[in-house]
Amino acid sequence: INLSSKCIRLKSRSDIHFDLLSLNVGAISDLQKFQYAIPIKPLEAALTALNRQDNLLNRDLIPFHVAGAGLAAVEVCFALRRRWPLRPLILHCAGRHLEVSMATALTAAEIELSDQQAPDHINTLLCTGSVAPGWLRASGISCDQQGRVLTTRTLQSIDHPWLFAAGDCGCIQKQPRPASGVYAVRAAVPLANNLKRVLDGKRPRPWTPQRRALQLLGAPNLIGSNRAWAVYAKTVVGPSRWLWTWKSHLDWRF
């Protein structure tokens, strides 16, 4: 983004000039020290790589590794077990503690838990946290340590009020929240309202995101049936078939 001339520079087409700009470009995986492993974000590239894995010769003899100890890594492991019922799967937790019922369920699904560093090759999927795309900081926008655009409570950049940012690429400076789809979805209405207010010559209104978000983690076909956990702060409930039904309802409605 050229901040002085208010234009977006693209590789394959001419520049786009603008008066107001709203950014919701998501995040990319934190590659850490990996070069060859598959990052889970951006998702389209990850799905393409997993589709290639489907066609590997002797696939079920080649172990597949997942790096990460968060809820995303756990849920991805369950999804991969459903995708590849016979393939050896290894979750590399890097010494981090997994909730007991989740660790038990992973073991029951024949997913090996390892404290070792995941190998850096094309049979490893990275669920190791996310950062914002590097070109945001390179544009000269004020960003936090993860490269997310720092905004006020009106979702406007702290130093460029004509630039809005929401979702995983933005962070309210005085009310930071973790990158999460819950906060991204909840930001949609206040973002739309403030864009309209600014276009109408009115003052944008501040928004306060919720402090904590309920997370639902699904495990398809867990020991013969679909189950899910509910995680709020440090409280974990499940696994439960009822929670799976609730999660499925929310996902399909979205």
C-alpha atoms as a PDB file:
ATOM      1  CA  ILE A   1       0.000   0.000   0.000  1.00  0.00           C
ATOM      2  CA  ASN A   2       1.365   3.420  -0.956  1.00  0.00           C
ATOM      3  CA  LEU A   3       0.218   5.495   2.011  1.00  0.00           C
ATOM      4  CA  SER A   4       1.162   8.891   0.597  1.00  0.00           C
ATOM      5  CA  SER A   5      -0.750   8.500  -2.674  1.00  0.00           C
ATOM      6  CA  LYS A   6      -3.511   6.262  -1.268  1.00  0.00           C
ATOM      7  CA  CYS A   7      -3.169   3.452  -3.768  1.00  0.00           C
ATOM      8  CA  ILE A   8      -2.772  -0.309  -3.683  1.00  0.00           C
ATOM      9  CA  ARG A   9      -0.007  -1.709  -5.856  1.00  0.00           C
ATOM     10  CA  LEU A  10      -0.657  -5.176  -7.293  1.00  0.00           C
ATOM     11  CA  LYS A  11       1.530  -7.621  -9.202  1.00  0.00           C
ATOM     12  CA  SER A  12      -0.733  -8.441 -12.106  1.00  0.00           C
ATOM     13  CA  ARG A  13      -2.877  -5.355 -12.686  1.00  0.00           C
ATOM     14  CA  SER A  14      -2.801  -1.575 -12.463  1.00  0.00           C
ATOM     15  CA  ASP A  15      -2.821   0.348  -9.188  1.00  0.00           C
ATOM     16  CA  ILE A  16      -6.110   0.861  -7.328  1.00  0.00           C
ATOM     17  CA  HIS A  17      -6.643   4.340  -5.891  1.00  0.00           C
ATOM     18  CA  PHE A  18      -8.987   4.839  -2.954  1.00  0.00           C
ATOM     19  CA  ASP A  19     -10.426   7.308  -0.448  1.00  0.00           C
ATOM     20  CA  LEU A  20     -11.147   4.799   2.315  1.00  0.00           C
ATOM     21  CA  LEU A  21      -9.548   1.368   2.650  1.00  0.00           C
ATOM     22  CA  SER A  22     -10.777  -1.523   4.773  1.00  0.00           C
ATOM     23  CA  LEU A  23      -8.366  -4.420   5.315  1.00  0.00           C
ATOM     24  CA  ASN A  24      -9.446  -7.939   6.227  1.00  0.00           C
ATOM     25  CA  VAL A  25      -6.665  -9.965   4.602  1.00  0.00           C
ATOM     26  CA  GLY A  26      -6.370 -12.589   7.340  1.00  0.00           C
ATOM     27  CA  ALA A  27      -3.118 -14.034   8.581  1.00  0.00           C
ATOM     28  CA  ILE A  28      -0.397 -16.435   7.512  1.00  0.00           C
ATOM     29  CA  SER A  29       1.253 -19.213   9.494  1.00  0.00           C
ATOM     30  CA  ASP A  30       4.241 -18.386  11.661  1.00  0.00           C
ATOM     31  CA  LEU A  31       6.882 -20.463   9.870  1.00  0.00           C
ATOM     32  CA  GLN A  32       9.400 -20.148  12.723  1.00  0.00           C
ATOM     33  CA  LYS A  33      12.437 -22.141  11.494  1.00  0.00           C
ATOM     34  CA  PHE A  34      10.603 -24.221   8.900  1.00  0.00           C
ATOM     35  CA  GLN A  35      11.265 -23.972   5.166  1.00  0.00           C
ATOM     36  CA  TYR A  36       9.614 -26.987   3.542  1.00  0.00           C
ATOM     37  CA  ALA A  37       6.682 -27.841   5.813  1.00  0.00           C
ATOM     38  CA  ILE A  38       3.102 -26.962   4.824  1.00  0.00           C
ATOM     39  CA  PRO A  39       1.704 -23.847   6.559  1.00  0.00           C
ATOM     40  CA  ILE A  40      -1.994 -24.153   7.481  1.00  0.00           C
ATOM     41  CA  LYS A  41      -2.490 -20.523   6.418  1.00  0.00           C
ATOM     42  CA  PRO A  42      -3.262 -19.364   3.810  1.00  0.00           C
ATOM     43  CA  LEU A  43      -5.809 -22.174   3.768  1.00  0.00           C
ATOM     44  CA  GLU A  44      -6.146 -22.498  -0.015  1.00  0.00           C
ATOM     45  CA  ALA A  45      -2.480 -23.406  -0.430  1.00  0.00           C
ATOM     46  CA  ALA A  46      -2.689 -25.842   2.492  1.00  0.00           C
ATOM     47  CA  LEU A  47      -5.685 -27.628   0.952  1.00  0.00           C
ATOM     48  CA  THR A  48      -3.862 -27.916  -2.367  1.00  0.00           C
ATOM     49  CA  ALA A  49      -0.870 -29.494  -0.598  1.00  0.00           C
ATOM     50  CA  LEU A  50      -3.130 -31.926   1.302  1.00  0.00           C
ATOM     51  CA  ASN A  51      -4.840 -32.921  -1.926  1.00  0.00           C
ATOM     52  CA  ARG A  52      -1.408 -33.808  -3.308  1.00  0.00           C
ATOM     53  CA  GLN A  53      -0.823 -35.922  -0.192  1.00  0.00           C
ATOM     54  CA  ASP A  54      -3.974 -37.906  -1.046  1.00  0.00           C
ATOM     55  CA  ASN A  55      -2.293 -39.170  -4.204  1.00  0.00           C
ATOM     56  CA  LEU A  56       1.048 -40.208  -2.712  1.00  0.00           C
ATOM     57  CA  LEU A  57       2.184 -43.690  -3.615  1.00  0.00           C
ATOM     58  CA  ASN A  58       2.090 -45.884  -0.480  1.00  0.00           C
ATOM     59  CA  ARG A  59       0.589 -42.951   1.414  1.00  0.00           C
ATOM     60  CA  ASP A  60      -0.524 -45.059   4.378  1.00  0.00           C
ATOM     61  CA  LEU A  61       3.064 -46.153   4.982  1.00  0.00           C
ATOM     62  CA  ILE A  62       4.404 -42.582   5.215  1.00  0.00           C
ATOM     63  CA  PRO A  63       3.916 -40.837   8.602  1.00  0.00           C
ATOM     64  CA  PHE A  64       2.337 -37.382   8.493  1.00  0.00           C
ATOM     65  CA  HIS A  65       3.291 -34.813  11.118  1.00  0.00           C
ATOM     66  CA  VAL A  66       1.381 -31.876  12.626  1.00  0.00           C
ATOM     67  CA  ALA A  67       3.288 -29.205  14.557  1.00  0.00           C
ATOM     68  CA  GLY A  68       1.423 -27.294  17.251  1.00  0.00           C
ATOM     69  CA  ALA A  69      -0.265 -27.716  20.625  1.00  0.00           C
ATOM     70  CA  GLY A  70      -3.229 -25.368  20.319  1.00  0.00           C
ATOM     71  CA  LEU A  71      -6.861 -26.228  19.659  1.00  0.00           C
ATOM     72  CA  ALA A  72      -6.381 -25.783  15.912  1.00  0.00           C
ATOM     73  CA  ALA A  73      -3.641 -28.420  15.806  1.00  0.00           C
ATOM     74  CA  VAL A  74      -5.763 -30.869  17.806  1.00  0.00           C
ATOM     75  CA  GLU A  75      -8.837 -30.368  15.623  1.00  0.00           C
ATOM     76  CA  VAL A  76      -6.783 -30.665  12.431  1.00  0.00           C
ATOM     77  CA  CYS A  77      -5.386 -33.996  13.668  1.00  0.00           C
ATOM     78  CA  PHE A  78      -8.881 -35.386  14.163  1.00  0.00           C
ATOM     79  CA  ALA A  79      -9.893 -34.162  10.701  1.00  0.00           C
ATOM     80  CA  LEU A  80      -6.812 -35.772   9.146  1.00  0.00           C
ATOM     81  CA  ARG A  81      -7.583 -39.049  10.913  1.00  0.00           C
ATOM     82  CA  ARG A  82     -10.996 -39.002   9.275  1.00  0.00           C
ATOM     83  CA  ARG A  83      -9.381 -38.160   5.928  1.00  0.00           C
ATOM     84  CA  TRP A  84      -6.683 -40.873   6.278  1.00  0.00           C
ATOM     85  CA  PRO A  85      -8.028 -43.698   8.499  1.00  0.00           C
ATOM     86  CA  LEU A  86      -4.867 -45.835   8.218  1.00  0.00           C
ATOM     87  CA  ARG A  87      -2.025 -43.348   7.865  1.00  0.00           C
ATOM     88  CA  PRO A  88       0.379 -42.847  10.800  1.00  0.00           C
ATOM     89  CA  LEU A  89      -0.269 -39.397  12.308  1.00  0.00           C
ATOM     90  CA  ILE A  90       2.015 -37.658  14.793  1.00  0.00           C
ATOM     91  CA  LEU A  91       1.194 -34.470  16.724  1.00  0.00           C
ATOM     92  CA  HIS A  92       4.327 -32.614  17.869  1.00  0.00           C
ATOM     93  CA  CYS A  93       3.403 -30.634  20.984  1.00  0.00           C
ATOM     94  CA  ALA A  94       6.907 -29.261  21.665  1.00  0.00           C
ATOM     95  CA  GLY A  95       6.566 -30.047  25.368  1.00  0.00           C
ATOM     96  CA  ARG A  96       3.306 -28.131  25.834  1.00  0.00           C
ATOM     97  CA  HIS A  97       0.595 -29.681  27.984  1.00  0.00           C
ATOM     98  CA  LEU A  98      -2.563 -30.975  26.312  1.00  0.00           C
ATOM     99  CA  GLU A  99      -5.852 -31.158  28.200  1.00  0.00           C
ATOM    100  CA  VAL A 100      -6.203 -34.717  29.514  1.00  0.00           C
ATOM    101  CA  SER A 101      -9.451 -35.668  27.749  1.00  0.00           C
ATOM    102  CA  MET A 102      -8.120 -34.345  24.423  1.00  0.00           C
ATOM    103  CA  ALA A 103      -4.843 -36.238  24.815  1.00  0.00           C
ATOM    104  CA  THR A 104      -6.805 -39.383  25.643  1.00  0.00           C
ATOM    105  CA  ALA A 105      -9.030 -38.946  22.600  1.00  0.00           C
ATOM    106  CA  LEU A 106      -6.041 -38.358  20.323  1.00  0.00           C
ATOM    107  CA  THR A 107      -4.436 -41.547  21.562  1.00  0.00           C
ATOM    108  CA  ALA A 108      -7.698 -43.442  21.074  1.00  0.00           C
ATOM    109  CA  ALA A 109      -7.759 -42.175  17.475  1.00  0.00           C
ATOM    110  CA  GLU A 110      -4.245 -43.639  17.053  1.00  0.00           C
ATOM    111  CA  ILE A 111      -2.608 -40.221  16.778  1.00  0.00           C
ATOM    112  CA  GLU A 112       0.847 -40.309  18.342  1.00  0.00           C
ATOM    113  CA  LEU A 113       1.854 -37.476  20.673  1.00  0.00           C
ATOM    114  CA  SER A 114       5.486 -36.359  20.541  1.00  0.00           C
ATOM    115  CA  ASP A 115       7.569 -33.782  22.403  1.00  0.00           C
ATOM    116  CA  GLN A 116      10.167 -33.788  19.629  1.00  0.00           C
ATOM    117  CA  GLN A 117      10.561 -31.018  17.060  1.00  0.00           C
ATOM    118  CA  ALA A 118       8.538 -31.776  13.948  1.00  0.00           C
ATOM    119  CA  PRO A 119      10.609 -32.591  10.853  1.00  0.00           C
ATOM    120  CA  ASP A 120      10.905 -29.878   8.242  1.00  0.00           C
ATOM    121  CA  HIS A 121       9.589 -31.561   5.113  1.00  0.00           C
ATOM    122  CA  ILE A 122       6.495 -31.741   2.883  1.00  0.00           C
ATOM    123  CA  ASN A 123       4.866 -34.342   5.153  1.00  0.00           C
ATOM    124  CA  THR A 124       4.536 -31.838   8.001  1.00  0.00           C
ATOM    125  CA  LEU A 125       1.650 -29.401   8.550  1.00  0.00           C
ATOM    126  CA  LEU A 126       2.319 -26.276  10.627  1.00  0.00           C
ATOM    127  CA  CYS A 127      -0.350 -25.142  13.096  1.00  0.00           C
ATOM    128  CA  THR A 128       2.133 -23.016  15.013  1.00  0.00           C
ATOM    129  CA  GLY A 129       0.285 -19.740  15.366  1.00  0.00           C
ATOM    130  CA  SER A 130      -0.134 -16.914  12.906  1.00  0.00           C
ATOM    131  CA  VAL A 131       1.225 -13.516  11.948  1.00  0.00           C
ATOM    132  CA  ALA A 132      -0.115 -10.875   9.607  1.00  0.00           C
ATOM    133  CA  PRO A 133       1.215 -10.725   6.025  1.00  0.00           C
ATOM    134  CA  GLY A 134       4.594  -8.979   5.985  1.00  0.00           C
ATOM    135  CA  TRP A 135       3.606  -6.429   3.357  1.00  0.00           C
ATOM    136  CA  LEU A 136       1.407  -4.602   5.895  1.00  0.00           C
ATOM    137  CA  ARG A 137       4.368  -3.582   8.052  1.00  0.00           C
ATOM    138  CA  ALA A 138       6.490  -3.025   4.929  1.00  0.00           C
ATOM    139  CA  SER A 139       3.925  -0.459   3.780  1.00  0.00           C
ATOM    140  CA  GLY A 140       4.781   1.707   6.795  1.00  0.00           C
ATOM    141  CA  ILE A 141       1.575   1.101   8.769  1.00  0.00           C
ATOM    142  CA  SER A 142       1.919   0.953  12.560  1.00  0.00           C
ATOM    143  CA  CYS A 143       1.688  -2.730  13.556  1.00  0.00           C
ATOM    144  CA  ASP A 144       2.034  -4.884  16.667  1.00  0.00           C
ATOM    145  CA  GLN A 145       4.659  -7.615  17.155  1.00  0.00           C
ATOM    146  CA  GLN A 146       2.661 -10.042  14.996  1.00  0.00           C
ATOM    147  CA  GLY A 147       2.491  -7.502  12.168  1.00  0.00           C
ATOM    148  CA  ARG A 148      -1.202  -6.767  12.760  1.00  0.00           C
ATOM    149  CA  VAL A 149      -2.416  -3.250  11.997  1.00  0.00           C
ATOM    150  CA  LEU A 150      -2.837  -1.300  15.235  1.00  0.00           C
ATOM    151  CA  THR A 151      -6.240   0.376  15.369  1.00  0.00           C
ATOM    152  CA  THR A 152      -8.347   2.484  17.678  1.00  0.00           C
ATOM    153  CA  ARG A 153     -11.653   1.140  19.024  1.00  0.00           C
ATOM    154  CA  THR A 154     -13.323   2.468  15.866  1.00  0.00           C
ATOM    155  CA  LEU A 155     -11.216  -0.041  13.867  1.00  0.00           C
ATOM    156  CA  GLN A 156      -9.263   2.821  12.238  1.00  0.00           C
ATOM    157  CA  SER A 157      -5.479   2.720  11.969  1.00  0.00           C
ATOM    158  CA  ILE A 158      -3.893   4.715  14.814  1.00  0.00           C
ATOM    159  CA  ASP A 159      -1.970   6.869  12.349  1.00  0.00           C
ATOM    160  CA  HIS A 160      -4.103   6.684   9.170  1.00  0.00           C
ATOM    161  CA  PRO A 161      -7.796   7.265  10.008  1.00  0.00           C
ATOM    162  CA  TRP A 162      -8.847   6.551   6.417  1.00  0.00           C
ATOM    163  CA  LEU A 163      -7.566   2.978   6.809  1.00  0.00           C
ATOM    164  CA  PHE A 164      -9.650   0.379   8.660  1.00  0.00           C
ATOM    165  CA  ALA A 165      -8.510  -3.107   9.683  1.00  0.00           C
ATOM    166  CA  ALA A 166     -10.390  -6.040  11.205  1.00  0.00           C
ATOM    167  CA  GLY A 167     -10.060  -9.785  11.620  1.00  0.00           C
ATOM    168  CA  ASP A 168      -6.709 -11.517  12.012  1.00  0.00           C
ATOM    169  CA  CYS A 169      -4.775  -8.685  10.303  1.00  0.00           C
ATOM    170  CA  GLY A 170      -5.887  -6.013  12.798  1.00  0.00           C
ATOM    171  CA  CYS A 171      -5.525  -5.419  16.530  1.00  0.00           C
ATOM    172  CA  ILE A 172      -7.196  -2.781  18.717  1.00  0.00           C
ATOM    173  CA  GLN A 173      -4.223  -1.137  20.426  1.00  0.00           C
ATOM    174  CA  LYS A 174      -5.771  -0.633  23.861  1.00  0.00           C
ATOM    175  CA  GLN A 175      -7.906  -3.782  23.803  1.00  0.00           C
ATOM    176  CA  PRO A 176      -5.793  -6.484  22.124  1.00  0.00           C
ATOM    177  CA  ARG A 177      -7.423  -9.855  21.503  1.00  0.00           C
ATOM    178  CA  PRO A 178      -5.930 -13.072  20.107  1.00  0.00           C
ATOM    179  CA  ALA A 179      -6.371 -13.836  16.430  1.00  0.00           C
ATOM    180  CA  SER A 180      -9.635 -15.748  16.311  1.00  0.00           C
ATOM    181  CA  GLY A 181     -12.535 -16.219  13.951  1.00  0.00           C
ATOM    182  CA  VAL A 182     -14.916 -15.298  16.783  1.00  0.00           C
ATOM    183  CA  TYR A 183     -13.543 -11.754  17.033  1.00  0.00           C
ATOM    184  CA  ALA A 184     -13.321 -11.420  13.248  1.00  0.00           C
ATOM    185  CA  VAL A 185     -16.997 -12.283  12.805  1.00  0.00           C
ATOM    186  CA  ARG A 186     -18.100 -10.000  15.656  1.00  0.00           C
ATOM    187  CA  ALA A 187     -16.170  -7.078  14.139  1.00  0.00           C
ATOM    188  CA  ALA A 188     -18.158  -7.218  10.889  1.00  0.00           C
ATOM    189  CA  VAL A 189     -21.184  -5.175  11.999  1.00  0.00           C
ATOM    190  CA  PRO A 190     -19.299  -2.345  13.791  1.00  0.00           C
ATOM    191  CA  LEU A 191     -16.875  -2.188  10.848  1.00  0.00           C
ATOM    192  CA  ALA A 192     -19.705  -1.872   8.308  1.00  0.00           C
ATOM    193  CA  ASN A 193     -21.492   0.718  10.442  1.00  0.00           C
ATOM    194  CA  ASN A 194     -18.349   2.834  10.878  1.00  0.00           C
ATOM    195  CA  LEU A 195     -17.492   2.719   7.171  1.00  0.00           C
ATOM    196  CA  LYS A 196     -20.982   3.988   6.409  1.00  0.00           C
ATOM    197  CA  ARG A 197     -20.779   6.672   9.093  1.00  0.00           C
ATOM    198  CA  VAL A 198     -17.467   7.995   7.755  1.00  0.00           C
ATOM    199  CA  LEU A 199     -18.833   8.022   4.194  1.00  0.00           C
ATOM    200  CA  ASP A 200     -21.850   9.972   5.484  1.00  0.00           C
ATOM    201  CA  GLY A 201     -19.599  12.512   7.192  1.00  0.00           C
ATOM    202  CA  LYS A 202     -20.369  11.278  10.719  1.00  0.00           C
ATOM    203  CA  ARG A 203     -18.037  10.318  13.552  1.00  0.00           C
ATOM    204  CA  PRO A 204     -17.325   6.573  13.796  1.00  0.00           C
ATOM    205  CA  ARG A 205     -18.393   4.826  16.984  1.00  0.00           C
ATOM    206  CA  PRO A 206     -15.997   2.886  19.261  1.00  0.00           C
ATOM    207  CA  TRP A 207     -16.467  -0.847  19.661  1.00  0.00           C
ATOM    208  CA  THR A 208     -15.430  -3.042  22.575  1.00  0.00           C
ATOM    209  CA  PRO A 209     -14.854  -6.703  21.677  1.00  0.00           C
ATOM    210  CA  GLN A 210     -15.750  -9.331  24.248  1.00  0.00           C
ATOM    211  CA  ARG A 211     -12.920 -10.230  26.614  1.00  0.00           C
ATOM    212  CA  ARG A 212     -13.131 -13.992  26.112  1.00  0.00           C
ATOM    213  CA  ALA A 213     -14.497 -16.200  23.371  1.00  0.00           C
ATOM    214  CA  LEU A 214     -16.077 -19.631  23.612  1.00  0.00           C
ATOM    215  CA  GLN A 215     -14.290 -22.118  21.360  1.00  0.00           C
ATOM    216  CA  LEU A 216     -15.835 -25.349  20.114  1.00  0.00           C
ATOM    217  CA  LEU A 217     -13.443 -28.081  19.019  1.00  0.00           C
ATOM    218  CA  GLY A 218     -14.825 -30.925  16.943  1.00  0.00           C
ATOM    219  CA  ALA A 219     -13.621 -34.522  16.674  1.00  0.00           C
ATOM    220  CA  PRO A 220     -15.426 -36.315  13.822  1.00  0.00           C
ATOM    221  CA  ASN A 221     -16.035 -40.052  14.291  1.00  0.00           C
ATOM    222  CA  LEU A 222     -14.389 -40.103  17.704  1.00  0.00           C
ATOM    223  CA  ILE A 223     -14.676 -43.703  18.917  1.00  0.00           C
ATOM    224  CA  GLY A 224     -17.670 -44.384  16.714  1.00  0.00           C
ATOM    225  CA  SER A 225     -19.470 -41.045  16.961  1.00  0.00           C
ATOM    226  CA  ASN A 226     -18.902 -37.327  16.470  1.00  0.00           C
ATOM    227  CA  ARG A 227     -17.958 -35.434  19.643  1.00  0.00           C
ATOM    228  CA  ALA A 228     -16.863 -31.907  20.521  1.00  0.00           C
ATOM    229  CA  TRP A 229     -15.376 -29.926  23.397  1.00  0.00           C
ATOM    230  CA  ALA A 230     -16.297 -26.460  24.628  1.00  0.00           C
ATOM    231  CA  VAL A 231     -13.380 -24.339  25.850  1.00  0.00           C
ATOM    232  CA  TYR A 232     -13.897 -21.060  27.708  1.00  0.00           C
ATOM    233  CA  ALA A 233     -10.926 -19.420  29.405  1.00  0.00           C
ATOM    234  CA  LYS A 234      -9.352 -22.396  31.232  1.00  0.00           C
ATOM    235  CA  THR A 235     -12.569 -24.403  31.524  1.00  0.00           C
ATOM    236  CA  VAL A 236     -12.952 -27.444  29.253  1.00  0.00           C
ATOM    237  CA  VAL A 237     -16.230 -29.352  28.855  1.00  0.00           C
ATOM    238  CA  GLY A 238     -16.558 -32.547  26.819  1.00  0.00           C
ATOM    239  CA  PRO A 239     -16.166 -34.486  24.685  1.00  0.00           C
ATOM    240  CA  SER A 240     -19.914 -34.529  24.052  1.00  0.00           C
ATOM    241  CA  ARG A 241     -22.225 -35.510  21.203  1.00  0.00           C
ATOM    242  CA  TRP A 242     -24.552 -32.648  22.164  1.00  0.00           C
ATOM    243  CA  LEU A 243     -21.700 -30.134  21.784  1.00  0.00           C
ATOM    244  CA  TRP A 244     -20.974 -31.587  18.325  1.00  0.00           C
ATOM    245  CA  THR A 245     -24.626 -31.012  17.325  1.00  0.00           C
ATOM    246  CA  TRP A 246     -24.417 -27.428  18.572  1.00  0.00           C
ATOM    247  CA  LYS A 247     -21.107 -26.797  16.809  1.00  0.00           C
ATOM    248  CA  SER A 248     -22.440 -28.256  13.541  1.00  0.00           C
ATOM    249  CA  HIS A 249     -25.523 -26.032  13.769  1.00  0.00           C
ATOM    250  CA  LEU A 250     -23.407 -22.913  14.256  1.00  0.00           C
ATOM    251  CA  ASP A 251     -20.988 -23.847  11.445  1.00  0.00           C
ATOM    252  CA  TRP A 252     -23.707 -24.598   8.903  1.00  0.00           C
ATOM    253  CA  ARG A 253     -25.672 -21.481   9.844  1.00  0.00           C
ATOM    254  CA  PHE A 254     -22.534 -19.370   9.334  1.00  0.00           C
END
